[in-house]
Protein backbone atom coordinates (compact mmCIF):
# COMPACT_ATOMS: atom_id res chain seq x y z
CA UNK A 1 -75.70 -23.31 188.05
CA UNK A 2 -79.39 -24.54 187.50
CA UNK A 3 -80.09 -22.25 184.22
CA UNK A 4 -76.51 -23.39 182.28
CA UNK A 5 -77.77 -26.94 183.25
CA UNK A 6 -81.29 -26.09 181.55
CA UNK A 7 -79.82 -25.13 178.70
CA UNK A 8 -77.44 -27.81 178.29
CA UNK A 9 -81.16 -29.75 178.68
CA UNK A 10 -82.64 -28.11 175.71
CA UNK A 11 -80.40 -29.54 173.68
CA UNK A 12 -80.39 -32.39 174.23
CA UNK A 13 -84.96 -32.55 174.38
CA UNK A 14 -84.88 -30.86 171.35
CA UNK A 15 -82.22 -32.89 169.24
CA UNK A 16 -84.54 -36.00 170.55
CA UNK A 17 -87.91 -34.51 170.05
CA UNK A 18 -86.86 -33.57 166.52
CA UNK A 19 -84.97 -37.02 165.51
CA UNK A 20 -88.13 -38.46 166.94
CA UNK A 21 -90.51 -36.35 165.25
CA UNK A 22 -88.57 -36.97 161.56
CA UNK A 23 -89.00 -40.80 162.30
CA UNK A 24 -92.53 -40.30 162.91
CA UNK A 25 -93.48 -38.13 159.96
CA UNK A 26 -91.39 -40.55 157.86
CA UNK A 27 -93.28 -43.67 159.14
CA UNK A 28 -96.53 -42.00 158.83
CA UNK A 29 -96.47 -40.61 155.73
CA UNK A 30 -94.93 -43.79 153.73
CA UNK A 31 -97.81 -45.88 156.42
CA UNK A 32 -100.64 -43.61 154.60
CA UNK A 33 -99.38 -43.92 151.34
CA UNK A 34 -98.79 -47.10 150.60
CA UNK A 35 -102.28 -48.10 152.67
CA UNK A 36 -104.09 -45.99 150.30
CA UNK A 37 -103.11 -47.51 147.47
CA UNK A 38 -105.02 -50.23 147.96
CA UNK A 39 -108.14 -50.48 146.08
CA UNK A 40 -110.32 -51.23 148.66
CA UNK A 41 -109.33 -48.25 150.83
CA UNK A 42 -108.71 -46.13 148.31
CA UNK A 43 -112.67 -46.28 147.23
CA UNK A 44 -114.37 -45.22 150.61
CA UNK A 45 -114.63 -41.55 151.82
CA UNK A 46 -114.54 -41.74 155.25
CA UNK A 47 -111.11 -44.01 154.99
CA UNK A 48 -109.25 -41.19 152.38
CA UNK A 49 -110.23 -38.77 154.97
CA UNK A 50 -109.03 -40.51 158.29
CA UNK A 51 -105.89 -41.29 155.93
CA UNK A 52 -105.67 -36.88 155.18
CA UNK A 53 -106.12 -36.45 159.14
CA UNK A 54 -102.93 -38.36 160.01
CA UNK A 55 -100.98 -36.88 157.15
CA UNK A 56 -102.09 -33.77 158.34
CA UNK A 57 -101.40 -34.19 162.14
CA UNK A 58 -97.87 -35.83 161.33
CA UNK A 59 -96.96 -32.72 159.23
CA UNK A 60 -97.41 -30.30 162.37
CA UNK A 61 -95.13 -31.89 164.39
CA UNK A 62 -93.07 -29.12 163.24
CA UNK A 63 -94.91 -26.52 165.28
CA UNK A 64 -95.00 -28.46 168.02
CA UNK A 65 -90.47 -28.89 168.39
CA UNK A 66 -91.07 -25.29 167.91
CA UNK A 67 -93.49 -24.18 170.96
CA UNK A 68 -91.37 -26.44 172.84
CA UNK A 69 -88.43 -24.64 172.12
CA UNK A 70 -90.40 -21.29 173.08
CA UNK A 71 -91.61 -22.85 176.26
CA UNK A 72 -88.34 -24.17 177.76
CA UNK A 73 -86.70 -20.70 176.80
CA UNK A 74 -89.18 -19.00 178.58
CA UNK A 75 -88.24 -21.80 181.59
CA UNK A 76 -84.81 -20.83 181.58
CA UNK A 77 -85.73 -17.25 181.64
CA UNK A 78 -88.12 -17.40 184.57
CA UNK A 79 -86.08 -19.78 186.43
CA UNK A 80 -82.81 -17.87 185.86
CA UNK A 81 -84.68 -14.71 187.27
CA UNK A 82 -85.89 -16.50 190.73
CA UNK A 83 -82.11 -18.47 191.16
CA UNK A 84 -80.32 -16.03 193.27
CA UNK A 85 -76.86 -15.90 191.64
CA UNK A 86 -73.31 -14.56 192.31
CA UNK A 87 -71.45 -12.73 190.23
CA UNK A 88 -68.33 -14.37 191.10
CA UNK A 89 -69.74 -17.95 189.84
CA UNK A 90 -70.15 -16.66 186.17
CA UNK A 91 -66.80 -18.19 185.52
CA UNK A 92 -68.11 -21.74 186.23
CA UNK A 93 -71.41 -20.92 184.48
CA UNK A 94 -69.85 -19.67 180.97
CA UNK A 95 -67.21 -22.38 180.47
CA UNK A 96 -69.99 -24.78 181.53
CA UNK A 97 -72.03 -23.42 178.06
CA UNK A 98 -69.00 -23.98 176.43
CA UNK A 99 -68.92 -26.78 176.68
CA UNK A 100 -72.70 -27.03 176.45
CA UNK A 101 -71.79 -25.37 172.90
CA UNK A 102 -69.27 -28.28 171.85
CA UNK A 103 -71.96 -30.50 172.86
CA UNK A 104 -74.60 -29.20 170.57
CA UNK A 105 -72.20 -28.74 167.94
CA UNK A 106 -72.02 -32.47 167.62
CA UNK A 107 -76.08 -32.76 168.32
CA UNK A 108 -76.15 -30.85 165.22
CA UNK A 109 -73.76 -32.51 163.04
CA UNK A 110 -75.42 -35.96 164.11
CA UNK A 111 -78.89 -33.89 162.80
CA UNK A 112 -77.38 -32.82 159.75
CA UNK A 113 -75.88 -36.14 158.27
CA UNK A 114 -79.44 -38.05 160.16
CA UNK A 115 -81.75 -35.45 158.54
CA UNK A 116 -80.10 -36.01 155.04
CA UNK A 117 -80.41 -40.12 154.23
CA UNK A 118 -81.48 -40.76 151.32
CA UNK A 119 -84.27 -43.37 153.03
CA UNK A 120 -86.23 -40.82 154.42
CA UNK A 121 -86.13 -39.06 151.12
CA UNK A 122 -87.89 -35.65 151.02
CA UNK A 123 -89.23 -36.04 154.99
CA UNK A 124 -86.71 -32.45 156.09
CA UNK A 125 -89.14 -30.50 153.70
CA UNK A 126 -91.99 -30.85 156.29
CA UNK A 127 -89.60 -29.50 158.87
CA UNK A 128 -88.33 -26.37 157.43
CA UNK A 129 -88.37 -24.26 161.34
CA UNK A 130 -87.24 -27.83 163.25
CA UNK A 131 -84.22 -28.27 160.64
CA UNK A 132 -82.89 -24.52 161.28
CA UNK A 133 -83.16 -25.40 164.53
CA UNK A 134 -81.14 -27.99 164.64
CA UNK A 135 -78.77 -27.14 162.35
CA UNK A 136 -77.52 -23.72 163.81
CA UNK A 137 -78.36 -25.39 167.64
CA UNK A 138 -74.35 -24.26 169.05
CA UNK A 139 -75.96 -20.44 167.91
CA UNK A 140 -79.23 -21.01 169.48
CA UNK A 141 -78.29 -22.19 172.53
CA UNK A 142 -75.36 -19.26 173.33
CA UNK A 143 -78.23 -16.84 172.63
CA UNK A 144 -80.31 -18.14 175.27
CA UNK A 145 -77.35 -18.79 177.11
CA UNK A 146 -76.19 -15.42 177.22
CA UNK A 147 -80.09 -14.54 178.37
CA UNK A 148 -80.01 -16.81 180.81
CA UNK A 149 -76.52 -15.70 182.37
CA UNK A 150 -78.03 -11.83 182.01
CA UNK A 151 -81.40 -12.50 183.49
CA UNK A 152 -79.75 -14.83 186.12
CA UNK A 153 -76.96 -12.29 187.06
CA UNK A 154 -77.62 -8.80 186.16
CA UNK A 155 -81.23 -8.83 188.28
CA UNK A 156 -81.39 -5.47 190.58
CA UNK A 157 -80.37 -6.85 194.31
CA UNK A 158 -82.90 -7.13 197.06
CA UNK A 159 -82.15 -6.31 200.08
CA UNK A 160 -84.17 -8.45 203.14
CA UNK A 161 -86.60 -6.85 204.86
CA UNK A 162 -85.62 -6.16 208.64
CA UNK A 163 -89.13 -6.96 209.89
CA UNK A 164 -89.70 -3.14 211.49
CA UNK A 165 -92.84 -1.83 210.86
CA UNK A 166 -93.89 -4.09 207.56
CA UNK A 167 -92.20 -1.42 205.62
């Protein structure tokens, strides 16, 4: 049942990291905008380049979350392959997965409420991938859970060797 726990962990981590990256992006861009408007700092080309580097970095956090998502999906596939699964436990797997999908629906609604707060302005425009993943988190979790169950329970059964002759 480790694979289904990993699927639920994906939802929690994506929500946590997405929210954290969103706040970091908002704070970073706000700080750079306010500091760049100071005339003493605005006169130096080196300081302008440094602050543009900060802006580029915090605007790429969207891709970091996507990379983490892909990595976690691959981890579910790999661990699902190596964990032995008895098909009788598929019922429990689907029940826990259903609870995880219901939980991810709550996280998706919280993300929608959080990301559309007027105080954040247009920060959500810097996160098109994260916004798509977190708004459709139940769908993505259902797909990842289905892939996990297929990999875990549909692999061929290999019998243990009797040890005679090494074959």
